């Protein structure tokens, strides 16, 4: 995980604490999306996830560029590692076709009738 402050954590406990904060932030965002969009379809959720991860890719590219300008090899390595993972996630999201649960339910009813 790369940090927006531009510095790596000093120890494992600090890294764990930052990870816990990040997970809590993700859960809060998921709850906010759930309450803000109660009828969110799988396709809409898929599109939102793709946009979010694509934004993270752009932020990581910017962080990598800054670390290269400042000749910080350790940070450049971290940004590159995270960027590679995010690019894999984007690739997976682009190739996954989410199911429309409403349409799938309708087909089951028609088949069983």
PDB file of N, CA and C in Angstrom:
ATOM      1  N   UNK A   1       0.844  -1.179   0.000  1.00  0.00           N
ATOM      2  CA  UNK A   1       0.000   0.000   0.000  1.00  0.00           C
ATOM      3  C   UNK A   1       0.885   1.237   0.000  1.00  0.00           C
ATOM      4  N   UNK A   2       0.586   2.185  -0.815  1.00  0.00           N
ATOM      5  CA  UNK A   2       1.357   3.416  -0.910  1.00  0.00           C
ATOM      6  C   UNK A   2       0.617   4.506  -0.157  1.00  0.00           C
ATOM      7  N   UNK A   3       1.344   5.431   0.428  1.00  0.00           N
ATOM      8  CA  UNK A   3       0.744   6.432   1.293  1.00  0.00           C
ATOM      9  C   UNK A   3       0.772   7.796   0.650  1.00  0.00           C
ATOM     10  N   UNK A   4      -0.318   8.540   0.825  1.00  0.00           N
ATOM     11  CA  UNK A   4      -0.443   9.846   0.185  1.00  0.00           C
ATOM     12  C   UNK A   4       0.529  10.866   0.769  1.00  0.00           C
ATOM     13  N   UNK A   5       1.060  10.588   1.950  1.00  0.00           N
ATOM     14  CA  UNK A   5       1.987  11.532   2.557  1.00  0.00           C
ATOM     15  C   UNK A   5       3.351  11.494   1.881  1.00  0.00           C
ATOM     16  N   UNK A   6       3.573  10.440   1.076  1.00  0.00           N
ATOM     17  CA  UNK A   6       4.850  10.349   0.384  1.00  0.00           C
ATOM     18  C   UNK A   6       5.916   9.659   1.205  1.00  0.00           C
ATOM     19  N   UNK A   7       5.573   9.202   2.424  1.00  0.00           N
ATOM     20  CA  UNK A   7       6.538   8.497   3.249  1.00  0.00           C
ATOM     21  C   UNK A   7       5.984   7.149   3.637  1.00  0.00           C
ATOM     22  N   UNK A   8       6.864   6.183   3.743  1.00  0.00           N
ATOM     23  CA  UNK A   8       6.454   4.846   4.144  1.00  0.00           C
ATOM     24  C   UNK A   8       6.328   4.805   5.666  1.00  0.00           C
ATOM     25  N   UNK A   9       5.498   3.886   6.187  1.00  0.00           N
ATOM     26  CA  UNK A   9       5.370   3.781   7.637  1.00  0.00           C
ATOM     27  C   UNK A   9       6.685   3.326   8.257  1.00  0.00           C
ATOM     28  N   UNK A  10       6.913   3.751   9.503  1.00  0.00           N
ATOM     29  CA  UNK A  10       8.164   3.420  10.176  1.00  0.00           C
ATOM     30  C   UNK A  10       8.203   1.972  10.656  1.00  0.00           C
ATOM     31  N   UNK A  11       7.048   1.396  10.953  1.00  0.00           N
ATOM     32  CA  UNK A  11       7.035   0.040  11.465  1.00  0.00           C
ATOM     33  C   UNK A  11       5.750  -0.677  11.060  1.00  0.00           C
ATOM     34  N   UNK A  12       5.706  -1.952  11.397  1.00  0.00           N
ATOM     35  CA  UNK A  12       4.565  -2.781  11.026  1.00  0.00           C
ATOM     36  C   UNK A  12       3.292  -2.298  11.713  1.00  0.00           C
ATOM     37  N   UNK A  13       3.384  -1.888  12.968  1.00  0.00           N
ATOM     38  CA  UNK A  13       2.210  -1.425  13.708  1.00  0.00           C
ATOM     39  C   UNK A  13       1.596  -0.199  13.036  1.00  0.00           C
ATOM     40  N   UNK A  14       2.430   0.714  12.578  1.00  0.00           N
ATOM     41  CA  UNK A  14       1.937   1.905  11.888  1.00  0.00           C
ATOM     42  C   UNK A  14       1.290   1.530  10.565  1.00  0.00           C
ATOM     43  N   UNK A  15       1.890   0.588   9.846  1.00  0.00           N
ATOM     44  CA  UNK A  15       1.315   0.128   8.581  1.00  0.00           C
ATOM     45  C   UNK A  15      -0.037  -0.536   8.816  1.00  0.00           C
ATOM     46  N   UNK A  16      -0.120  -1.352   9.874  1.00  0.00           N
ATOM     47  CA  UNK A  16      -1.396  -2.001  10.212  1.00  0.00           C
ATOM     48  C   UNK A  16      -2.456  -0.967  10.571  1.00  0.00           C
ATOM     49  N   UNK A  17      -2.057   0.058  11.305  1.00  0.00           N
ATOM     50  CA  UNK A  17      -2.996   1.109  11.693  1.00  0.00           C
ATOM     51  C   UNK A  17      -3.505   1.858  10.452  1.00  0.00           C
ATOM     52  N   UNK A  18      -2.625   2.163   9.525  1.00  0.00           N
ATOM     53  CA  UNK A  18      -3.028   2.828   8.290  1.00  0.00           C
ATOM     54  C   UNK A  18      -3.944   1.929   7.453  1.00  0.00           C
ATOM     55  N   UNK A  19      -3.649   0.641   7.410  1.00  0.00           N
ATOM     56  CA  UNK A  19      -4.500  -0.300   6.686  1.00  0.00           C
ATOM     57  C   UNK A  19      -5.888  -0.359   7.311  1.00  0.00           C
ATOM     58  N   UNK A  20      -5.954  -0.380   8.640  1.00  0.00           N
ATOM     59  CA  UNK A  20      -7.246  -0.403   9.331  1.00  0.00           C
ATOM     60  C   UNK A  20      -8.049   0.853   9.027  1.00  0.00           C
ATOM     61  N   UNK A  21      -7.375   2.008   8.993  1.00  0.00           N
ATOM     62  CA  UNK A  21      -8.063   3.257   8.659  1.00  0.00           C
ATOM     63  C   UNK A  21      -8.580   3.231   7.233  1.00  0.00           C
ATOM     64  N   UNK A  22      -7.786   2.680   6.330  1.00  0.00           N
ATOM     65  CA  UNK A  22      -8.201   2.596   4.927  1.00  0.00           C
ATOM     66  C   UNK A  22      -9.416   1.679   4.783  1.00  0.00           C
ATOM     67  N   UNK A  23      -9.402   0.546   5.461  1.00  0.00           N
ATOM     68  CA  UNK A  23     -10.530  -0.385   5.416  1.00  0.00           C
ATOM     69  C   UNK A  23     -11.769   0.262   6.004  1.00  0.00           C
ATOM     70  N   UNK A  24     -11.622   0.994   7.100  1.00  0.00           N
ATOM     71  CA  UNK A  24     -12.758   1.695   7.701  1.00  0.00           C
ATOM     72  C   UNK A  24     -13.325   2.736   6.730  1.00  0.00           C
ATOM     73  N   UNK A  25     -12.451   3.412   6.020  1.00  0.00           N
ATOM     74  CA  UNK A  25     -12.877   4.392   5.018  1.00  0.00           C
ATOM     75  C   UNK A  25     -13.649   3.709   3.896  1.00  0.00           C
ATOM     76  N   UNK A  26     -13.170   2.568   3.426  1.00  0.00           N
ATOM     77  CA  UNK A  26     -13.864   1.822   2.382  1.00  0.00           C
ATOM     78  C   UNK A  26     -15.239   1.368   2.846  1.00  0.00           C
ATOM     79  N   UNK A  27     -15.327   0.896   4.092  1.00  0.00           N
ATOM     80  CA  UNK A  27     -16.619   0.462   4.630  1.00  0.00           C
ATOM     81  C   UNK A  27     -17.584   1.635   4.733  1.00  0.00           C
ATOM     82  N   UNK A  28     -17.091   2.789   5.162  1.00  0.00           N
ATOM     83  CA  UNK A  28     -17.943   3.980   5.256  1.00  0.00           C
ATOM     84  C   UNK A  28     -18.449   4.384   3.882  1.00  0.00           C
ATOM     85  N   UNK A  29     -17.584   4.301   2.876  1.00  0.00           N
ATOM     86  CA  UNK A  29     -17.997   4.634   1.512  1.00  0.00           C
ATOM     87  C   UNK A  29     -19.021   3.633   0.990  1.00  0.00           C
ATOM     88  N   UNK A  30     -18.834   2.354   1.297  1.00  0.00           N
ATOM     89  CA  UNK A  30     -19.792   1.329   0.871  1.00  0.00           C
ATOM     90  C   UNK A  30     -21.156   1.573   1.513  1.00  0.00           C
ATOM     91  N   UNK A  31     -21.153   1.924   2.806  1.00  0.00           N
ATOM     92  CA  UNK A  31     -22.410   2.222   3.499  1.00  0.00           C
ATOM     93  C   UNK A  31     -23.083   3.451   2.897  1.00  0.00           C
ATOM     94  N   UNK A  32     -22.296   4.471   2.596  1.00  0.00           N
ATOM     95  CA  UNK A  32     -22.848   5.694   2.007  1.00  0.00           C
ATOM     96  C   UNK A  32     -23.438   5.407   0.628  1.00  0.00           C
ATOM     97  N   UNK A  33     -22.748   4.601  -0.164  1.00  0.00           N
ATOM     98  CA  UNK A  33     -23.278   4.235  -1.482  1.00  0.00           C
ATOM     99  C   UNK A  33     -24.563   3.437  -1.349  1.00  0.00           C
ATOM    100  N   UNK A  34     -24.580   2.518  -0.385  1.00  0.00           N
ATOM    101  CA  UNK A  34     -25.770   1.697  -0.184  1.00  0.00           C
ATOM    102  C   UNK A  34     -26.976   2.514   0.215  1.00  0.00           C
ATOM    103  N   UNK A  35     -26.778   3.504   1.076  1.00  0.00           N
ATOM    104  CA  UNK A  35     -27.912   4.333   1.500  1.00  0.00           C
ATOM    105  C   UNK A  35     -28.251   5.393   0.456  1.00  0.00           C
ATOM    106  N   UNK A  36     -27.263   5.861  -0.274  1.00  0.00           N
ATOM    107  CA  UNK A  36     -27.494   6.879  -1.293  1.00  0.00           C
ATOM    108  C   UNK A  36     -28.074   6.317  -2.581  1.00  0.00           C
ATOM    109  N   UNK A  37     -27.792   5.054  -2.837  1.00  0.00           N
ATOM    110  CA  UNK A  37     -28.266   4.396  -4.056  1.00  0.00           C
ATOM    111  C   UNK A  37     -28.868   3.032  -3.695  1.00  0.00           C
ATOM    112  N   UNK A  38     -30.040   3.030  -3.050  1.00  0.00           N
ATOM    113  CA  UNK A  38     -30.604   1.756  -2.590  1.00  0.00           C
ATOM    114  C   UNK A  38     -30.961   0.794  -3.724  1.00  0.00           C
ATOM    115  N   UNK A  39     -31.202   1.292  -4.911  1.00  0.00           N
ATOM    116  CA  UNK A  39     -31.582   0.442  -6.038  1.00  0.00           C
ATOM    117  C   UNK A  39     -30.455   0.320  -7.061  1.00  0.00           C
ATOM    118  N   UNK A  40     -29.229   0.372  -6.596  1.00  0.00           N
ATOM    119  CA  UNK A  40     -28.064   0.303  -7.473  1.00  0.00           C
ATOM    120  C   UNK A  40     -27.996  -1.072  -8.132  1.00  0.00           C
ATOM    121  N   UNK A  41     -27.971  -1.084  -9.439  1.00  0.00           N
ATOM    122  CA  UNK A  41     -27.907  -2.362 -10.163  1.00  0.00           C
ATOM    123  C   UNK A  41     -26.458  -2.857 -10.174  1.00  0.00           C
ATOM    124  N   UNK A  42     -26.263  -4.149 -10.429  1.00  0.00           N
ATOM    125  CA  UNK A  42     -24.896  -4.674 -10.530  1.00  0.00           C
ATOM    126  C   UNK A  42     -24.088  -3.970 -11.619  1.00  0.00           C
ATOM    127  N   UNK A  43     -24.731  -3.611 -12.715  1.00  0.00           N
ATOM    128  CA  UNK A  43     -24.022  -2.916 -13.796  1.00  0.00           C
ATOM    129  C   UNK A  43     -23.563  -1.532 -13.340  1.00  0.00           C
ATOM    130  N   UNK A  44     -24.408  -0.830 -12.600  1.00  0.00           N
ATOM    131  CA  UNK A  44     -24.039   0.499 -12.103  1.00  0.00           C
ATOM    132  C   UNK A  44     -22.916   0.385 -11.072  1.00  0.00           C
ATOM    133  N   UNK A  45     -23.000  -0.604 -10.192  1.00  0.00           N
ATOM    134  CA  UNK A  45     -21.941  -0.814  -9.198  1.00  0.00           C
ATOM    135  C   UNK A  45     -20.628  -1.156  -9.892  1.00  0.00           C
ATOM    136  N   UNK A  46     -20.701  -1.958 -10.937  1.00  0.00           N
ATOM    137  CA  UNK A  46     -19.519  -2.336 -11.714  1.00  0.00           C
ATOM    138  C   UNK A  46     -18.874  -1.103 -12.337  1.00  0.00           C
ATOM    139  N   UNK A  47     -19.700  -0.238 -12.918  1.00  0.00           N
ATOM    140  CA  UNK A  47     -19.181   0.988 -13.540  1.00  0.00           C
ATOM    141  C   UNK A  47     -18.543   1.899 -12.501  1.00  0.00           C
ATOM    142  N   UNK A  48     -19.175   2.029 -11.334  1.00  0.00           N
ATOM    143  CA  UNK A  48     -18.623   2.876 -10.279  1.00  0.00           C
ATOM    144  C   UNK A  48     -17.279   2.330  -9.790  1.00  0.00           C
ATOM    145  N   UNK A  49     -17.186   1.005  -9.656  1.00  0.00           N
ATOM    146  CA  UNK A  49     -15.924   0.389  -9.222  1.00  0.00           C
ATOM    147  C   UNK A  49     -14.832   0.634 -10.250  1.00  0.00           C
ATOM    148  N   UNK A  50     -15.174   0.510 -11.513  1.00  0.00           N
ATOM    149  CA  UNK A  50     -14.188   0.739 -12.575  1.00  0.00           C
ATOM    150  C   UNK A  50     -13.691   2.178 -12.561  1.00  0.00           C
ATOM    151  N   UNK A  51     -14.589   3.114 -12.371  1.00  0.00           N
ATOM    152  CA  UNK A  51     -14.200   4.530 -12.311  1.00  0.00           C
ATOM    153  C   UNK A  51     -13.300   4.786 -11.106  1.00  0.00           C
ATOM    154  N   UNK A  52     -13.649   4.207  -9.953  1.00  0.00           N
ATOM    155  CA  UNK A  52     -12.848   4.395  -8.743  1.00  0.00           C
ATOM    156  C   UNK A  52     -11.442   3.839  -8.920  1.00  0.00           C
ATOM    157  N   UNK A  53     -11.337   2.622  -9.423  1.00  0.00           N
ATOM    158  CA  UNK A  53     -10.016   2.009  -9.590  1.00  0.00           C
ATOM    159  C   UNK A  53      -9.212   2.745 -10.657  1.00  0.00           C
ATOM    160  N   UNK A  54      -9.868   3.200 -11.713  1.00  0.00           N
ATOM    161  CA  UNK A  54      -9.173   3.968 -12.742  1.00  0.00           C
ATOM    162  C   UNK A  54      -8.614   5.274 -12.155  1.00  0.00           C
ATOM    163  N   UNK A  55      -9.372   5.884 -11.259  1.00  0.00           N
ATOM    164  CA  UNK A  55      -8.895   7.097 -10.589  1.00  0.00           C
ATOM    165  C   UNK A  55      -7.681   6.787  -9.722  1.00  0.00           C
ATOM    166  N   UNK A  56      -7.714   5.650  -9.029  1.00  0.00           N
ATOM    167  CA  UNK A  56      -6.556   5.247  -8.224  1.00  0.00           C
ATOM    168  C   UNK A  56      -5.331   5.008  -9.105  1.00  0.00           C
ATOM    169  N   UNK A  57      -5.535   4.450 -10.286  1.00  0.00           N
ATOM    170  CA  UNK A  57      -4.420   4.241 -11.228  1.00  0.00           C
ATOM    171  C   UNK A  57      -3.798   5.590 -11.577  1.00  0.00           C
ATOM    172  N   UNK A  58      -4.635   6.570 -11.896  1.00  0.00           N
ATOM    173  CA  UNK A  58      -4.117   7.893 -12.259  1.00  0.00           C
ATOM    174  C   UNK A  58      -3.361   8.532 -11.097  1.00  0.00           C
ATOM    175  N   UNK A  59      -3.877   8.369  -9.875  1.00  0.00           N
ATOM    176  CA  UNK A  59      -3.174   8.910  -8.704  1.00  0.00           C
ATOM    177  C   UNK A  59      -1.827   8.219  -8.506  1.00  0.00           C
ATOM    178  N   UNK A  60      -1.795   6.919  -8.710  1.00  0.00           N
ATOM    179  CA  UNK A  60      -0.538   6.195  -8.563  1.00  0.00           C
ATOM    180  C   UNK A  60       0.456   6.568  -9.654  1.00  0.00           C
ATOM    181  N   UNK A  61      -0.029   6.798 -10.865  1.00  0.00           N
ATOM    182  CA  UNK A  61       0.865   7.250 -11.929  1.00  0.00           C
ATOM    183  C   UNK A  61       1.479   8.596 -11.571  1.00  0.00           C
ATOM    184  N   UNK A  62       0.676   9.464 -10.987  1.00  0.00           N
ATOM    185  CA  UNK A  62       1.179  10.777 -10.561  1.00  0.00           C
ATOM    186  C   UNK A  62       2.212  10.622  -9.446  1.00  0.00           C
ATOM    187  N   UNK A  63       1.919   9.749  -8.483  1.00  0.00           N
ATOM    188  CA  UNK A  63       2.870   9.498  -7.393  1.00  0.00           C
ATOM    189  C   UNK A  63       4.169   8.913  -7.902  1.00  0.00           C
ATOM    190  N   UNK A  64       4.068   8.007  -8.865  1.00  0.00           N
ATOM    191  CA  UNK A  64       5.270   7.414  -9.456  1.00  0.00           C
ATOM    192  C   UNK A  64       6.096   8.481 -10.160  1.00  0.00           C
ATOM    193  N   UNK A  65       5.419   9.343 -10.907  1.00  0.00           N
ATOM    194  CA  UNK A  65       6.127  10.416 -11.618  1.00  0.00           C
ATOM    195  C   UNK A  65       6.856  11.330 -10.638  1.00  0.00           C
ATOM    196  N   UNK A  66       6.200  11.684  -9.539  1.00  0.00           N
ATOM    197  CA  UNK A  66       6.835  12.552  -8.529  1.00  0.00           C
ATOM    198  C   UNK A  66       8.031  11.872  -7.875  1.00  0.00           C
ATOM    199  N   UNK A  67       7.890  10.580  -7.568  1.00  0.00           N
ATOM    200  CA  UNK A  67       9.011   9.884  -6.928  1.00  0.00           C
ATOM    201  C   UNK A  67      10.187   9.731  -7.888  1.00  0.00           C
ATOM    202  N   UNK A  68       9.908   9.581  -9.172  1.00  0.00           N
ATOM    203  CA  UNK A  68      10.991   9.514 -10.153  1.00  0.00           C
ATOM    204  C   UNK A  68      11.697  10.863 -10.283  1.00  0.00           C
ATOM    205  N   UNK A  69      10.911  11.952 -10.255  1.00  0.00           N
ATOM    206  CA  UNK A  69      11.503  13.294 -10.318  1.00  0.00           C
ATOM    207  C   UNK A  69      12.407  13.562  -9.121  1.00  0.00           C
ATOM    208  N   UNK A  70      12.008  13.053  -7.947  1.00  0.00           N
ATOM    209  CA  UNK A  70      12.799  13.292  -6.738  1.00  0.00           C
ATOM    210  C   UNK A  70      13.863  12.213  -6.523  1.00  0.00           C
ATOM    211  N   UNK A  71      13.977  11.297  -7.475  1.00  0.00           N
ATOM    212  CA  UNK A  71      14.975  10.208  -7.429  1.00  0.00           C
ATOM    213  C   UNK A  71      14.847   9.354  -6.176  1.00  0.00           C
ATOM    214  N   UNK A  72      13.616   9.105  -5.747  1.00  0.00           N
ATOM    215  CA  UNK A  72      13.362   8.264  -4.578  1.00  0.00           C
ATOM    216  C   UNK A  72      13.025   6.856  -5.066  1.00  0.00           C
ATOM    217  N   UNK A  73      14.055   6.015  -5.117  1.00  0.00           N
ATOM    218  CA  UNK A  73      13.894   4.671  -5.673  1.00  0.00           C
ATOM    219  C   UNK A  73      12.930   3.817  -4.857  1.00  0.00           C
ATOM    220  N   UNK A  74      12.971   3.943  -3.539  1.00  0.00           N
ATOM    221  CA  UNK A  74      12.090   3.131  -2.684  1.00  0.00           C
ATOM    222  C   UNK A  74      10.621   3.479  -2.939  1.00  0.00           C
ATOM    223  N   UNK A  75      10.313   4.761  -2.992  1.00  0.00           N
ATOM    224  CA  UNK A  75       8.936   5.177  -3.257  1.00  0.00           C
ATOM    225  C   UNK A  75       8.522   4.806  -4.681  1.00  0.00           C
ATOM    226  N   UNK A  76       9.417   4.955  -5.636  1.00  0.00           N
ATOM    227  CA  UNK A  76       9.109   4.599  -7.021  1.00  0.00           C
ATOM    228  C   UNK A  76       8.769   3.111  -7.125  1.00  0.00           C
ATOM    229  N   UNK A  77       9.514   2.287  -6.404  1.00  0.00           N
ATOM    230  CA  UNK A  77       9.246   0.855  -6.388  1.00  0.00           C
ATOM    231  C   UNK A  77       7.872   0.563  -5.795  1.00  0.00           C
ATOM    232  N   UNK A  78       7.537   1.242  -4.712  1.00  0.00           N
ATOM    233  CA  UNK A  78       6.238   1.036  -4.069  1.00  0.00           C
ATOM    234  C   UNK A  78       5.095   1.474  -4.981  1.00  0.00           C
ATOM    235  N   UNK A  79       5.239   2.646  -5.588  1.00  0.00           N
ATOM    236  CA  UNK A  79       4.197   3.137  -6.494  1.00  0.00           C
ATOM    237  C   UNK A  79       4.039   2.189  -7.676  1.00  0.00           C
ATOM    238  N   UNK A  80       5.148   1.684  -8.205  1.00  0.00           N
ATOM    239  CA  UNK A  80       5.111   0.775  -9.355  1.00  0.00           C
ATOM    240  C   UNK A  80       4.426  -0.530  -8.990  1.00  0.00           C
ATOM    241  N   UNK A  81       4.758  -1.076  -7.824  1.00  0.00           N
ATOM    242  CA  UNK A  81       4.143  -2.330  -7.372  1.00  0.00           C
ATOM    243  C   UNK A  81       2.628  -2.159  -7.237  1.00  0.00           C
ATOM    244  N   UNK A  82       2.210  -1.099  -6.557  1.00  0.00           N
ATOM    245  CA  UNK A  82       0.785  -0.847  -6.381  1.00  0.00           C
ATOM    246  C   UNK A  82       0.094  -0.575  -7.703  1.00  0.00           C
ATOM    247  N   UNK A  83       0.761   0.145  -8.587  1.00  0.00           N
ATOM    248  CA  UNK A  83       0.200   0.461  -9.896  1.00  0.00           C
ATOM    249  C   UNK A  83      -0.039  -0.814 -10.701  1.00  0.00           C
ATOM    250  N   UNK A  84       0.887  -1.744 -10.625  1.00  0.00           N
ATOM    251  CA  UNK A  84       0.733  -3.012 -11.344  1.00  0.00           C
ATOM    252  C   UNK A  84      -0.494  -3.771 -10.840  1.00  0.00           C
ATOM    253  N   UNK A  85      -0.695  -3.776  -9.531  1.00  0.00           N
ATOM    254  CA  UNK A  85      -1.862  -4.451  -8.949  1.00  0.00           C
ATOM    255  C   UNK A  85      -3.150  -3.764  -9.399  1.00  0.00           C
ATOM    256  N   UNK A  86      -3.166  -2.445  -9.353  1.00  0.00           N
ATOM    257  CA  UNK A  86      -4.362  -1.707  -9.763  1.00  0.00           C
ATOM    258  C   UNK A  86      -4.670  -1.923 -11.240  1.00  0.00           C
ATOM    259  N   UNK A  87      -3.641  -1.996 -12.070  1.00  0.00           N
ATOM    260  CA  UNK A  87      -3.872  -2.238 -13.490  1.00  0.00           C
ATOM    261  C   UNK A  87      -4.449  -3.631 -13.728  1.00  0.00           C
ATOM    262  N   UNK A  88      -4.052  -4.602 -12.907  1.00  0.00           N
ATOM    263  CA  UNK A  88      -4.652  -5.930 -12.991  1.00  0.00           C
ATOM    264  C   UNK A  88      -6.129  -5.880 -12.604  1.00  0.00           C
ATOM    265  N   UNK A  89      -6.440  -5.117 -11.568  1.00  0.00           N
ATOM    266  CA  UNK A  89      -7.829  -4.975 -11.133  1.00  0.00           C
ATOM    267  C   UNK A  89      -8.663  -4.326 -12.239  1.00  0.00           C
ATOM    268  N   UNK A  90      -8.137  -3.285 -12.867  1.00  0.00           N
ATOM    269  CA  UNK A  90      -8.852  -2.631 -13.967  1.00  0.00           C
ATOM    270  C   UNK A  90      -9.092  -3.639 -15.092  1.00  0.00           C
ATOM    271  N   UNK A  91      -8.086  -4.425 -15.414  1.00  0.00           N
ATOM    272  CA  UNK A  91      -8.224  -5.423 -16.469  1.00  0.00           C
ATOM    273  C   UNK A  91      -9.312  -6.433 -16.124  1.00  0.00           C
ATOM    274  N   UNK A  92      -9.323  -6.891 -14.890  1.00  0.00           N
ATOM    275  CA  UNK A  92     -10.360  -7.832 -14.463  1.00  0.00           C
ATOM    276  C   UNK A  92     -11.741  -7.204 -14.534  1.00  0.00           C
ATOM    277  N   UNK A  93     -11.862  -5.978 -14.039  1.00  0.00           N
ATOM    278  CA  UNK A  93     -13.162  -5.311 -14.053  1.00  0.00           C
ATOM    279  C   UNK A  93     -13.664  -5.098 -15.477  1.00  0.00           C
ATOM    280  N   UNK A  94     -12.760  -4.814 -16.391  1.00  0.00           N
ATOM    281  CA  UNK A  94     -13.178  -4.595 -17.785  1.00  0.00           C
ATOM    282  C   UNK A  94     -13.618  -5.889 -18.446  1.00  0.00           C
ATOM    283  N   UNK A  95     -13.108  -7.021 -17.976  1.00  0.00           N
ATOM    284  CA  UNK A  95     -13.441  -8.304 -18.589  1.00  0.00           C
ATOM    285  C   UNK A  95     -14.606  -9.019 -17.919  1.00  0.00           C
ATOM    286  N   UNK A  96     -14.976  -8.611 -16.729  1.00  0.00           N
ATOM    287  CA  UNK A  96     -16.084  -9.250 -16.016  1.00  0.00           C
ATOM    288  C   UNK A  96     -17.389  -8.624 -16.470  1.00  0.00           C
ATOM    289  N   UNK A  97     -18.334  -9.461 -16.795  1.00  0.00           N
ATOM    290  CA  UNK A  97     -19.666  -8.998 -17.156  1.00  0.00           C
ATOM    291  C   UNK A  97     -20.579  -9.281 -15.968  1.00  0.00           C
ATOM    292  N   UNK A  98     -20.921  -8.264 -15.197  1.00  0.00           N
ATOM    293  CA  UNK A  98     -21.755  -8.509 -14.023  1.00  0.00           C
ATOM    294  C   UNK A  98     -23.148  -8.977 -14.419  1.00  0.00           C
ATOM    295  N   UNK A  99     -23.696  -9.847 -13.607  1.00  0.00           N
ATOM    296  CA  UNK A  99     -25.036 -10.360 -13.858  1.00  0.00           C
ATOM    297  C   UNK A  99     -26.069  -9.324 -13.461  1.00  0.00           C
ATOM    298  N   UNK A 100     -27.108  -9.225 -14.242  1.00  0.00           N
ATOM    299  CA  UNK A 100     -28.250  -8.407 -13.867  1.00  0.00           C
ATOM    300  C   UNK A 100     -29.191  -9.334 -13.116  1.00  0.00           C
ATOM    301  N   UNK A 101     -29.185  -9.242 -11.800  1.00  0.00           N
ATOM    302  CA  UNK A 101     -29.938 -10.173 -10.968  1.00  0.00           C
ATOM    303  C   UNK A 101     -31.429 -10.117 -11.254  1.00  0.00           C
ATOM    304  N   UNK A 102     -31.949  -8.951 -11.583  1.00  0.00           N
ATOM    305  CA  UNK A 102     -33.374  -8.833 -11.894  1.00  0.00           C
ATOM    306  C   UNK A 102     -33.705  -9.610 -13.161  1.00  0.00           C
ATOM    307  N   UNK A 103     -32.897  -9.489 -14.181  1.00  0.00           N
ATOM    308  CA  UNK A 103     -33.135 -10.195 -15.442  1.00  0.00           C
ATOM    309  C   UNK A 103     -32.953 -11.698 -15.252  1.00  0.00           C
ATOM    310  N   UNK A 104     -31.960 -12.095 -14.466  1.00  0.00           N
ATOM    311  CA  UNK A 104     -31.720 -13.521 -14.220  1.00  0.00           C
ATOM    312  C   UNK A 104     -32.891 -14.118 -13.468  1.00  0.00           C
ATOM    313  N   UNK A 105     -33.459 -13.385 -12.522  1.00  0.00           N
ATOM    314  CA  UNK A 105     -34.617 -13.866 -11.772  1.00  0.00           C
ATOM    315  C   UNK A 105     -35.829 -14.035 -12.668  1.00  0.00           C
ATOM    316  N   UNK A 106     -36.024 -13.114 -13.603  1.00  0.00           N
ATOM    317  CA  UNK A 106     -37.145 -13.213 -14.532  1.00  0.00           C
ATOM    318  C   UNK A 106     -37.021 -14.436 -15.431  1.00  0.00           C
ATOM    319  N   UNK A 107     -35.803 -14.732 -15.886  1.00  0.00           N
ATOM    320  CA  UNK A 107     -35.587 -15.891 -16.741  1.00  0.00           C
ATOM    321  C   UNK A 107     -35.869 -17.181 -15.993  1.00  0.00           C
ATOM    322  N   UNK A 108     -35.470 -17.254 -14.714  1.00  0.00           N
ATOM    323  CA  UNK A 108     -35.723 -18.445 -13.910  1.00  0.00           C
ATOM    324  C   UNK A 108     -37.218 -18.680 -13.757  1.00  0.00           C
ATOM    325  N   UNK A 109     -37.962 -17.621 -13.560  1.00  0.00           N
ATOM    326  CA  UNK A 109     -39.392 -17.752 -13.393  1.00  0.00           C
ATOM    327  C   UNK A 109     -40.017 -18.244 -14.684  1.00  0.00           C
ATOM    328  N   UNK A 110     -39.560 -17.742 -15.818  1.00  0.00           N
ATOM    329  CA  UNK A 110     -40.127 -18.150 -17.096  1.00  0.00           C
ATOM    330  C   UNK A 110     -39.775 -19.603 -17.400  1.00  0.00           C
ATOM    331  N   UNK A 111     -38.572 -20.025 -17.059  1.00  0.00           N
ATOM    332  CA  UNK A 111     -38.153 -21.396 -17.339  1.00  0.00           C
ATOM    333  C   UNK A 111     -38.926 -22.375 -16.470  1.00  0.00           C
ATOM    334  N   UNK A 112     -39.126 -22.033 -15.191  1.00  0.00           N
ATOM    335  CA  UNK A 112     -39.797 -22.920 -14.267  1.00  0.00           C
ATOM    336  C   UNK A 112     -41.309 -22.932 -14.429  1.00  0.00           C
ATOM    337  N   UNK A 113     -41.875 -21.984 -15.140  1.00  0.00           N
ATOM    338  CA  UNK A 113     -43.331 -21.908 -15.273  1.00  0.00           C
ATOM    339  C   UNK A 113     -43.870 -22.926 -16.229  1.00  0.00           C
TER     340      UNK A 113
END
